[in-house]
Amino acid sequence: MEVPKFFFQKSLQGKSVAFVVAFSMLYMAIYQPFSATAWFGFKTEVQMMSTISFYAIAVLILLICKYFLYKYQFKHKLTIAKYGIGVSCEFVAISILYLLFTHSYGFNNGEITLHIVIRTTLCVALILAIPYTIVTLYSLYKAKTEEYNMLLLQWKSIHSKEGDGLLHLCDYTDTIKLSISSDAVIYVESQDNYVQIHYLLDDKLQSYLLRVSTQKLEEQFSGTSLMRCHRSFIINTSKIKLFREELGKSFLVLEGDDSKRIPISKNYLKAISERVSPTDT
């Protein structure tokens, strides 16, 4: 089974690391009174520096592991088993780090006993397992919600008057992943080797994450009202609600998304301006 693509959204990756750190701090605060070898805390200067140093190195380990998994899934299929190996590497590295800090405090005359190893292993495993389980369930929920919304949209599109004019969008392997009316698409945002397609379903803005380059998707949009306005954005020119130039920069706002300002690069400004009527400016 392949890891859900939502795992590799940069925002989710950052939030998962922050969640692990926040949860571990809460766990440690509860765990400390019951541990005879607890060195972490902020009561003394040495204790505070040790705690800050430990968290800084631990976060670096998490970021490095996630970076390698992120890069790996660009070219290879990342299964649950392979992802589990990556998480195991995080677990082993942080467990060793915690043992080294415990050893430096000289508990049990500096001797690392089997008892300390077991307690450390269980502690780190629990700290990582709970946040990662929550993130995994959230990603699976997002994937299933996205799949349901796309099936509903495709059914409505096929049974509408525009059913014969559907766009059949392919991923990087040229496999058709979704069929959608160009009129339903509001804008597309690039996210490395993925694109997030924002579309309207029952007057609500939804999104679908597709593994394909922006350039390849742009080719699939040829002949429609969808065009590039920025290296990271493709917009539906028929959905432009506001077009403005302000302080030397241009941006637009689209229907169905009142808050997001989509930038317009100078390279695309002329083409976009030609699509916008004087009454829209």
C-alpha atoms as a PDB file:
ATOM      1  CA  MET A   1       0.000   0.000   0.000  1.00  0.00           C
ATOM      2  CA  GLU A   2       1.319   3.424  -0.976  1.00  0.00           C
ATOM      3  CA  VAL A   3       1.625   6.239   1.559  1.00  0.00           C
ATOM      4  CA  PRO A   4      -1.156   8.853   1.064  1.00  0.00           C
ATOM      5  CA  LYS A   5       0.159  11.838  -0.929  1.00  0.00           C
ATOM      6  CA  PHE A   6      -1.046  14.249   1.758  1.00  0.00           C
ATOM      7  CA  PHE A   7       1.849  13.062   3.918  1.00  0.00           C
ATOM      8  CA  PHE A   8       4.240  15.049   1.737  1.00  0.00           C
ATOM      9  CA  GLN A   9       2.592  18.427   1.728  1.00  0.00           C
ATOM     10  CA  LYS A  10       5.135  20.853   3.159  1.00  0.00           C
ATOM     11  CA  SER A  11       2.593  22.435   5.486  1.00  0.00           C
ATOM     12  CA  LEU A  12       1.624  19.046   6.942  1.00  0.00           C
ATOM     13  CA  GLN A  13       5.256  17.999   7.344  1.00  0.00           C
ATOM     14  CA  GLY A  14       6.039  21.172   9.278  1.00  0.00           C
ATOM     15  CA  LYS A  15       2.929  20.816  11.422  1.00  0.00           C
ATOM     16  CA  SER A  16       3.725  17.170  12.202  1.00  0.00           C
ATOM     17  CA  VAL A  17       7.186  18.117  13.529  1.00  0.00           C
ATOM     18  CA  ALA A  18       5.689  20.954  15.592  1.00  0.00           C
ATOM     19  CA  PHE A  19       3.025  18.549  16.890  1.00  0.00           C
ATOM     20  CA  VAL A  20       5.671  15.988  17.943  1.00  0.00           C
ATOM     21  CA  VAL A  21       7.631  18.691  19.800  1.00  0.00           C
ATOM     22  CA  ALA A  22       4.538  20.095  21.558  1.00  0.00           C
ATOM     23  CA  PHE A  23       3.291  16.636  22.511  1.00  0.00           C
ATOM     24  CA  SER A  24       6.713  15.556  23.801  1.00  0.00           C
ATOM     25  CA  MET A  25       6.946  18.644  26.019  1.00  0.00           C
ATOM     26  CA  LEU A  26       3.533  17.876  27.497  1.00  0.00           C
ATOM     27  CA  TYR A  27       4.464  14.215  27.950  1.00  0.00           C
ATOM     28  CA  MET A  28       7.788  15.072  29.599  1.00  0.00           C
ATOM     29  CA  ALA A  29       6.120  17.499  32.000  1.00  0.00           C
ATOM     30  CA  ILE A  30       3.796  14.683  33.135  1.00  0.00           C
ATOM     31  CA  TYR A  31       6.517  12.017  33.054  1.00  0.00           C
ATOM     32  CA  GLN A  32       9.229  13.927  34.971  1.00  0.00           C
ATOM     33  CA  PRO A  33       7.848  13.587  38.532  1.00  0.00           C
ATOM     34  CA  PHE A  34       7.725   9.788  38.132  1.00  0.00           C
ATOM     35  CA  SER A  35      11.249   9.365  36.740  1.00  0.00           C
ATOM     36  CA  ALA A  36      14.419   8.997  38.784  1.00  0.00           C
ATOM     37  CA  THR A  37      16.586   9.838  35.746  1.00  0.00           C
ATOM     38  CA  ALA A  38      14.742  12.865  34.388  1.00  0.00           C
ATOM     39  CA  TRP A  39      17.311  15.513  33.436  1.00  0.00           C
ATOM     40  CA  PHE A  40      15.101  17.750  31.301  1.00  0.00           C
ATOM     41  CA  GLY A  41      13.448  20.960  32.444  1.00  0.00           C
ATOM     42  CA  PHE A  42      14.042  24.684  32.828  1.00  0.00           C
ATOM     43  CA  LYS A  43      14.727  25.095  36.554  1.00  0.00           C
ATOM     44  CA  THR A  44      18.505  25.573  36.299  1.00  0.00           C
ATOM     45  CA  GLU A  45      20.660  27.067  33.576  1.00  0.00           C
ATOM     46  CA  VAL A  46      22.377  23.733  32.859  1.00  0.00           C
ATOM     47  CA  GLN A  47      19.041  21.916  32.742  1.00  0.00           C
ATOM     48  CA  MET A  48      17.557  24.536  30.427  1.00  0.00           C
ATOM     49  CA  MET A  49      20.548  24.443  28.026  1.00  0.00           C
ATOM     50  CA  SER A  50      20.457  20.641  27.951  1.00  0.00           C
ATOM     51  CA  THR A  51      16.750  20.587  27.198  1.00  0.00           C
ATOM     52  CA  ILE A  52      17.040  23.211  24.444  1.00  0.00           C
ATOM     53  CA  SER A  53      20.055  21.402  22.925  1.00  0.00           C
ATOM     54  CA  PHE A  54      18.248  18.065  22.979  1.00  0.00           C
ATOM     55  CA  TYR A  55      15.156  19.464  21.272  1.00  0.00           C
ATOM     56  CA  ALA A  56      17.222  21.329  18.675  1.00  0.00           C
ATOM     57  CA  ILE A  57      19.106  18.146  17.694  1.00  0.00           C
ATOM     58  CA  ALA A  58      15.925  16.026  17.812  1.00  0.00           C
ATOM     59  CA  VAL A  59      14.091  18.452  15.496  1.00  0.00           C
ATOM     60  CA  LEU A  60      17.078  18.400  13.140  1.00  0.00           C
ATOM     61  CA  ILE A  61      16.922  14.585  13.062  1.00  0.00           C
ATOM     62  CA  LEU A  62      13.197  14.688  12.256  1.00  0.00           C
ATOM     63  CA  LEU A  63      13.698  17.250   9.491  1.00  0.00           C
ATOM     64  CA  ILE A  64      16.583  15.294   7.918  1.00  0.00           C
ATOM     65  CA  CYS A  65      14.615  12.024   7.923  1.00  0.00           C
ATOM     66  CA  LYS A  66      11.545  13.714   6.452  1.00  0.00           C
ATOM     67  CA  TYR A  67      13.678  15.446   3.823  1.00  0.00           C
ATOM     68  CA  PHE A  68      15.131  12.129   2.616  1.00  0.00           C
ATOM     69  CA  LEU A  69      11.668  10.514   2.511  1.00  0.00           C
ATOM     70  CA  TYR A  70      10.344  13.571   0.683  1.00  0.00           C
ATOM     71  CA  LYS A  71      13.093  13.334  -1.947  1.00  0.00           C
ATOM     72  CA  TYR A  72      12.784   9.543  -2.212  1.00  0.00           C
ATOM     73  CA  GLN A  73       9.093   9.624  -3.093  1.00  0.00           C
ATOM     74  CA  PHE A  74       9.862  11.899  -6.071  1.00  0.00           C
ATOM     75  CA  LYS A  75      11.311   8.977  -8.038  1.00  0.00           C
ATOM     76  CA  HIS A  76      10.110   5.889  -6.206  1.00  0.00           C
ATOM     77  CA  LYS A  77       6.886   4.456  -4.901  1.00  0.00           C
ATOM     78  CA  LEU A  78       6.859   4.977  -1.148  1.00  0.00           C
ATOM     79  CA  THR A  79       5.002   2.121   0.514  1.00  0.00           C
ATOM     80  CA  ILE A  80       3.820   1.973   4.116  1.00  0.00           C
ATOM     81  CA  ALA A  81       6.663  -0.475   4.847  1.00  0.00           C
ATOM     82  CA  LYS A  82       9.318   1.906   3.507  1.00  0.00           C
ATOM     83  CA  TYR A  83       7.752   4.789   5.380  1.00  0.00           C
ATOM     84  CA  GLY A  84       7.846   2.645   8.522  1.00  0.00           C
ATOM     85  CA  ILE A  85      11.599   2.150   8.033  1.00  0.00           C
ATOM     86  CA  GLY A  86      12.019   5.925   7.843  1.00  0.00           C
ATOM     87  CA  VAL A  87      10.066   6.444  11.062  1.00  0.00           C
ATOM     88  CA  SER A  88      12.110   3.665  12.700  1.00  0.00           C
ATOM     89  CA  CYS A  89      15.300   5.549  11.818  1.00  0.00           C
ATOM     90  CA  GLU A  90      13.885   8.634  13.547  1.00  0.00           C
ATOM     91  CA  PHE A  91      13.003   6.526  16.577  1.00  0.00           C
ATOM     92  CA  VAL A  92      16.461   4.895  16.850  1.00  0.00           C
ATOM     93  CA  ALA A  93      18.342   8.173  16.340  1.00  0.00           C
ATOM     94  CA  ILE A  94      16.295  10.084  18.944  1.00  0.00           C
ATOM     95  CA  SER A  95      16.483   7.181  21.417  1.00  0.00           C
ATOM     96  CA  ILE A  96      20.280   7.133  21.145  1.00  0.00           C
ATOM     97  CA  LEU A  97      20.346  10.916  21.528  1.00  0.00           C
ATOM     98  CA  TYR A  98      18.242  10.718  24.698  1.00  0.00           C
ATOM     99  CA  LEU A  99      20.500   7.991  26.124  1.00  0.00           C
ATOM    100  CA  LEU A 100      23.588  10.115  25.453  1.00  0.00           C
ATOM    101  CA  PHE A 101      22.077  13.079  27.293  1.00  0.00           C
ATOM    102  CA  THR A 102      21.049  10.798  30.183  1.00  0.00           C
ATOM    103  CA  HIS A 103      24.584   9.351  30.290  1.00  0.00           C
ATOM    104  CA  SER A 104      26.135  12.844  30.363  1.00  0.00           C
ATOM    105  CA  TYR A 105      24.215  13.582  33.578  1.00  0.00           C
ATOM    106  CA  GLY A 106      25.965  10.678  35.309  1.00  0.00           C
ATOM    107  CA  PHE A 107      22.915   8.755  36.501  1.00  0.00           C
ATOM    108  CA  ASN A 108      23.889   5.331  37.897  1.00  0.00           C
ATOM    109  CA  ASN A 109      27.544   6.447  37.851  1.00  0.00           C
ATOM    110  CA  GLY A 110      27.307   7.098  34.133  1.00  0.00           C
ATOM    111  CA  GLU A 111      26.325   3.496  33.403  1.00  0.00           C
ATOM    112  CA  ILE A 112      23.598   2.894  30.824  1.00  0.00           C
ATOM    113  CA  THR A 113      21.684  -0.093  32.161  1.00  0.00           C
ATOM    114  CA  LEU A 114      19.125  -2.282  30.449  1.00  0.00           C
ATOM    115  CA  HIS A 115      16.459  -0.672  32.632  1.00  0.00           C
ATOM    116  CA  ILE A 116      17.321   2.818  31.341  1.00  0.00           C
ATOM    117  CA  VAL A 117      17.428   1.579  27.731  1.00  0.00           C
ATOM    118  CA  ILE A 118      13.963  -0.003  28.056  1.00  0.00           C
ATOM    119  CA  ARG A 119      12.450   3.093  29.707  1.00  0.00           C
ATOM    120  CA  THR A 120      14.016   5.355  27.058  1.00  0.00           C
ATOM    121  CA  THR A 121      12.815   3.134  24.202  1.00  0.00           C
ATOM    122  CA  LEU A 122       9.249   3.051  25.497  1.00  0.00           C
ATOM    123  CA  CYS A 123       9.251   6.796  26.194  1.00  0.00           C
ATOM    124  CA  VAL A 124      10.477   7.795  22.717  1.00  0.00           C
ATOM    125  CA  ALA A 125       8.220   5.221  21.022  1.00  0.00           C
ATOM    126  CA  LEU A 126       5.152   6.622  22.773  1.00  0.00           C
ATOM    127  CA  ILE A 127       6.120  10.239  22.038  1.00  0.00           C
ATOM    128  CA  LEU A 128       6.446   9.494  18.306  1.00  0.00           C
ATOM    129  CA  ALA A 129       3.621   6.953  18.001  1.00  0.00           C
ATOM    130  CA  ILE A 130       0.732   9.095  19.244  1.00  0.00           C
ATOM    131  CA  PRO A 131       1.363  12.214  17.071  1.00  0.00           C
ATOM    132  CA  TYR A 132       2.217  10.097  14.006  1.00  0.00           C
ATOM    133  CA  THR A 133      -0.945   8.024  14.433  1.00  0.00           C
ATOM    134  CA  ILE A 134      -3.040  11.207  14.544  1.00  0.00           C
ATOM    135  CA  VAL A 135      -1.257  12.644  11.463  1.00  0.00           C
ATOM    136  CA  THR A 136      -1.725   9.325   9.618  1.00  0.00           C
ATOM    137  CA  LEU A 137      -5.452   9.187  10.398  1.00  0.00           C
ATOM    138  CA  TYR A 138      -5.829  12.819   9.300  1.00  0.00           C
ATOM    139  CA  SER A 139      -4.036  12.095   5.997  1.00  0.00           C
ATOM    140  CA  LEU A 140      -6.194   9.043   5.327  1.00  0.00           C
ATOM    141  CA  TYR A 141      -9.311  11.085   6.099  1.00  0.00           C
ATOM    142  CA  LYS A 142      -8.196  13.811   3.676  1.00  0.00           C
ATOM    143  CA  ALA A 143      -7.452  11.223   0.990  1.00  0.00           C
ATOM    144  CA  LYS A 144     -10.865   9.569   1.332  1.00  0.00           C
ATOM    145  CA  THR A 145     -12.664  12.929   1.418  1.00  0.00           C
ATOM    146  CA  GLU A 146     -10.814  14.037  -1.719  1.00  0.00           C
ATOM    147  CA  GLU A 147     -11.612  10.754  -3.467  1.00  0.00           C
ATOM    148  CA  TYR A 148     -15.315  11.048  -2.597  1.00  0.00           C
ATOM    149  CA  ASN A 149     -15.502  14.675  -3.757  1.00  0.00           C
ATOM    150  CA  MET A 150     -13.814  13.855  -7.057  1.00  0.00           C
ATOM    151  CA  LEU A 151     -16.139  10.913  -7.733  1.00  0.00           C
ATOM    152  CA  LEU A 152     -19.129  13.140  -6.989  1.00  0.00           C
ATOM    153  CA  LEU A 153     -17.796  15.906  -9.238  1.00  0.00           C
ATOM    154  CA  GLN A 154     -17.060  13.491 -12.071  1.00  0.00           C
ATOM    155  CA  TRP A 155     -20.532  11.961 -11.823  1.00  0.00           C
ATOM    156  CA  LYS A 156     -22.141  15.402 -11.958  1.00  0.00           C
ATOM    157  CA  SER A 157     -19.913  16.481 -14.847  1.00  0.00           C
ATOM    158  CA  ILE A 158     -20.607  13.359 -16.883  1.00  0.00           C
ATOM    159  CA  HIS A 159     -24.360  13.755 -16.426  1.00  0.00           C
ATOM    160  CA  SER A 160     -24.363  17.456 -17.208  1.00  0.00           C
ATOM    161  CA  LYS A 161     -24.496  19.191 -20.582  1.00  0.00           C
ATOM    162  CA  GLU A 162     -20.710  19.552 -20.424  1.00  0.00           C
ATOM    163  CA  GLY A 163     -20.155  15.815 -20.120  1.00  0.00           C
ATOM    164  CA  ASP A 164     -18.663  15.565 -23.612  1.00  0.00           C
ATOM    165  CA  GLY A 165     -16.132  18.320 -22.930  1.00  0.00           C
ATOM    166  CA  LEU A 166     -14.415  16.911 -19.866  1.00  0.00           C
ATOM    167  CA  LEU A 167     -10.712  17.315 -19.286  1.00  0.00           C
ATOM    168  CA  HIS A 168      -9.111  13.932 -18.609  1.00  0.00           C
ATOM    169  CA  LEU A 169      -6.124  14.837 -16.447  1.00  0.00           C
ATOM    170  CA  CYS A 170      -3.155  12.471 -16.206  1.00  0.00           C
ATOM    171  CA  ASP A 171      -0.432  12.073 -13.626  1.00  0.00           C
ATOM    172  CA  TYR A 172       3.305  11.789 -14.356  1.00  0.00           C
ATOM    173  CA  THR A 173       2.826   8.198 -15.659  1.00  0.00           C
ATOM    174  CA  ASP A 174       0.166   9.379 -18.171  1.00  0.00           C
ATOM    175  CA  THR A 175      -2.521   7.558 -16.207  1.00  0.00           C
ATOM    176  CA  ILE A 176      -5.877   9.351 -16.131  1.00  0.00           C
ATOM    177  CA  LYS A 177      -6.562  10.288 -12.513  1.00  0.00           C
ATOM    178  CA  LEU A 178      -9.601  12.518 -12.851  1.00  0.00           C
ATOM    179  CA  SER A 179     -12.049  13.858 -15.393  1.00  0.00           C
ATOM    180  CA  ILE A 180     -13.356  17.340 -14.796  1.00  0.00           C
ATOM    181  CA  SER A 181     -15.052  20.197 -16.621  1.00  0.00           C
ATOM    182  CA  SER A 182     -12.657  23.101 -17.210  1.00  0.00           C
ATOM    183  CA  ASP A 183     -15.383  25.427 -15.921  1.00  0.00           C
ATOM    184  CA  ALA A 184     -15.258  23.715 -12.517  1.00  0.00           C
ATOM    185  CA  VAL A 185     -11.540  24.403 -12.062  1.00  0.00           C
ATOM    186  CA  ILE A 186     -10.798  27.698 -10.265  1.00  0.00           C
ATOM    187  CA  TYR A 187      -7.020  27.583 -10.019  1.00  0.00           C
ATOM    188  CA  VAL A 188      -4.064  25.232  -9.720  1.00  0.00           C
ATOM    189  CA  GLU A 189      -1.171  25.684  -7.312  1.00  0.00           C
ATOM    190  CA  SER A 190       2.206  24.005  -7.780  1.00  0.00           C
ATOM    191  CA  GLN A 191       3.707  22.070  -4.858  1.00  0.00           C
ATOM    192  CA  ASP A 192       7.032  20.666  -6.045  1.00  0.00           C
ATOM    193  CA  ASN A 193       6.229  17.496  -8.017  1.00  0.00           C
ATOM    194  CA  TYR A 194       2.535  17.773  -7.135  1.00  0.00           C
ATOM    195  CA  VAL A 195      -0.152  20.249  -8.119  1.00  0.00           C
ATOM    196  CA  GLN A 196      -3.190  21.082  -6.026  1.00  0.00           C
ATOM    197  CA  ILE A 197      -6.256  21.541  -8.195  1.00  0.00           C
ATOM    198  CA  HIS A 198      -8.848  23.820  -6.579  1.00  0.00           C
ATOM    199  CA  TYR A 199     -12.354  23.388  -7.959  1.00  0.00           C
ATOM    200  CA  LEU A 200     -15.988  24.171  -7.122  1.00  0.00           C
ATOM    201  CA  LEU A 201     -18.345  21.446  -5.969  1.00  0.00           C
ATOM    202  CA  ASP A 202     -21.848  22.510  -4.883  1.00  0.00           C
ATOM    203  CA  ASP A 203     -20.583  26.106  -4.582  1.00  0.00           C
ATOM    204  CA  LYS A 204     -17.824  25.024  -2.152  1.00  0.00           C
ATOM    205  CA  LEU A 205     -14.126  25.217  -2.935  1.00  0.00           C
ATOM    206  CA  GLN A 206     -12.511  21.756  -2.829  1.00  0.00           C
ATOM    207  CA  SER A 207      -9.050  20.542  -3.778  1.00  0.00           C
ATOM    208  CA  TYR A 208      -7.368  17.527  -5.351  1.00  0.00           C
ATOM    209  CA  LEU A 209      -3.651  16.712  -5.135  1.00  0.00           C
ATOM    210  CA  LEU A 210      -2.265  15.326  -8.407  1.00  0.00           C
ATOM    211  CA  ARG A 211       1.289  14.089  -8.913  1.00  0.00           C
ATOM    212  CA  VAL A 212       2.316  15.854 -12.121  1.00  0.00           C
ATOM    213  CA  SER A 213       4.447  18.841 -13.115  1.00  0.00           C
ATOM    214  CA  THR A 214       2.809  22.232 -13.639  1.00  0.00           C
ATOM    215  CA  GLN A 215       4.203  22.351 -17.166  1.00  0.00           C
ATOM    216  CA  LYS A 216       2.667  18.995 -18.106  1.00  0.00           C
ATOM    217  CA  LEU A 217      -0.675  19.987 -16.616  1.00  0.00           C
ATOM    218  CA  GLU A 218      -0.538  23.286 -18.506  1.00  0.00           C
ATOM    219  CA  GLU A 219      -0.252  21.307 -21.743  1.00  0.00           C
ATOM    220  CA  GLN A 220      -3.368  19.334 -20.785  1.00  0.00           C
ATOM    221  CA  PHE A 221      -5.220  22.637 -20.305  1.00  0.00           C
ATOM    222  CA  SER A 222      -4.430  23.772 -23.846  1.00  0.00           C
ATOM    223  CA  GLY A 223      -7.450  25.266 -25.627  1.00  0.00           C
ATOM    224  CA  THR A 224      -9.329  26.094 -22.410  1.00  0.00           C
ATOM    225  CA  SER A 225      -9.716  29.244 -20.323  1.00  0.00           C
ATOM    226  CA  LEU A 226      -7.064  27.919 -17.931  1.00  0.00           C
ATOM    227  CA  MET A 227      -3.671  29.594 -18.297  1.00  0.00           C
ATOM    228  CA  ARG A 228      -0.473  30.234 -16.368  1.00  0.00           C
ATOM    229  CA  CYS A 229      -0.174  33.518 -14.477  1.00  0.00           C
ATOM    230  CA  HIS A 230       2.832  32.659 -12.310  1.00  0.00           C
ATOM    231  CA  ARG A 231       5.398  29.880 -12.129  1.00  0.00           C
ATOM    232  CA  SER A 232       3.373  28.389  -9.262  1.00  0.00           C
ATOM    233  CA  PHE A 233      -0.181  29.154 -10.439  1.00  0.00           C
ATOM    234  CA  ILE A 234      -2.552  28.340 -13.293  1.00  0.00           C
ATOM    235  CA  ILE A 235      -5.852  30.214 -13.135  1.00  0.00           C
ATOM    236  CA  ASN A 236      -9.219  30.032 -14.861  1.00  0.00           C
ATOM    237  CA  THR A 237      -9.460  33.386 -16.632  1.00  0.00           C
ATOM    238  CA  SER A 238     -13.248  33.078 -16.828  1.00  0.00           C
ATOM    239  CA  LYS A 239     -13.340  33.117 -12.998  1.00  0.00           C
ATOM    240  CA  ILE A 240     -11.416  36.366 -12.469  1.00  0.00           C
ATOM    241  CA  LYS A 241     -13.351  38.566 -10.047  1.00  0.00           C
ATOM    242  CA  LEU A 242     -10.706  41.203  -9.337  1.00  0.00           C
ATOM    243  CA  PHE A 243      -7.540  42.263 -11.160  1.00  0.00           C
ATOM    244  CA  ARG A 244      -5.279  44.929  -9.670  1.00  0.00           C
ATOM    245  CA  GLU A 245      -1.839  46.459  -9.911  1.00  0.00           C
ATOM    246  CA  GLU A 246      -0.552  47.806  -6.616  1.00  0.00           C
ATOM    247  CA  LEU A 247       2.925  49.131  -5.709  1.00  0.00           C
ATOM    248  CA  GLY A 248       4.382  47.709  -8.894  1.00  0.00           C
ATOM    249  CA  LYS A 249       2.942  44.246  -8.301  1.00  0.00           C
ATOM    250  CA  SER A 250      -0.070  42.619  -9.936  1.00  0.00           C
ATOM    251  CA  PHE A 251      -2.494  40.169  -8.423  1.00  0.00           C
ATOM    252  CA  LEU A 252      -5.975  38.801  -8.944  1.00  0.00           C
ATOM    253  CA  VAL A 253      -8.801  37.300  -6.918  1.00  0.00           C
ATOM    254  CA  LEU A 254     -10.963  34.520  -8.310  1.00  0.00           C
ATOM    255  CA  GLU A 255     -14.549  33.448  -7.762  1.00  0.00           C
ATOM    256  CA  GLY A 256     -14.936  30.977  -4.925  1.00  0.00           C
ATOM    257  CA  ASP A 257     -11.849  32.255  -3.113  1.00  0.00           C
ATOM    258  CA  ASP A 258     -12.401  35.717  -1.657  1.00  0.00           C
ATOM    259  CA  SER A 259      -9.337  35.824   0.558  1.00  0.00           C
ATOM    260  CA  LYS A 260      -6.477  34.491  -1.570  1.00  0.00           C
ATOM    261  CA  ARG A 261      -4.505  36.953  -3.687  1.00  0.00           C
ATOM    262  CA  ILE A 262      -2.889  35.116  -6.582  1.00  0.00           C
ATOM    263  CA  PRO A 263       0.249  36.847  -7.876  1.00  0.00           C
ATOM    264  CA  ILE A 264       0.851  37.584 -11.548  1.00  0.00           C
ATOM    265  CA  SER A 265       4.410  37.412 -12.866  1.00  0.00           C
ATOM    266  CA  LYS A 266       5.635  40.061 -15.283  1.00  0.00           C
ATOM    267  CA  ASN A 267       6.145  37.356 -17.927  1.00  0.00           C
ATOM    268  CA  TYR A 268       2.428  36.583 -17.894  1.00  0.00           C
ATOM    269  CA  LEU A 269       1.020  40.039 -17.140  1.00  0.00           C
ATOM    270  CA  LYS A 270       0.363  41.028 -20.759  1.00  0.00           C
ATOM    271  CA  ALA A 271      -1.444  37.761 -21.589  1.00  0.00           C
ATOM    272  CA  ILE A 272      -3.585  37.992 -18.445  1.00  0.00           C
ATOM    273  CA  SER A 273      -4.366  41.676 -19.063  1.00  0.00           C
ATOM    274  CA  GLU A 274      -5.652  40.833 -22.529  1.00  0.00           C
ATOM    275  CA  ARG A 275      -8.099  38.350 -20.983  1.00  0.00           C
ATOM    276  CA  VAL A 276      -9.464  40.914 -18.526  1.00  0.00           C
ATOM    277  CA  SER A 277     -12.066  43.367 -19.848  1.00  0.00           C
ATOM    278  CA  PRO A 278     -11.864  47.063 -18.851  1.00  0.00           C
ATOM    279  CA  THR A 279     -14.920  46.651 -16.630  1.00  0.00           C
ATOM    280  CA  ASP A 280     -13.023  44.123 -14.486  1.00  0.00           C
ATOM    281  CA  THR A 281     -10.074  46.420 -13.677  1.00  0.00           C
END
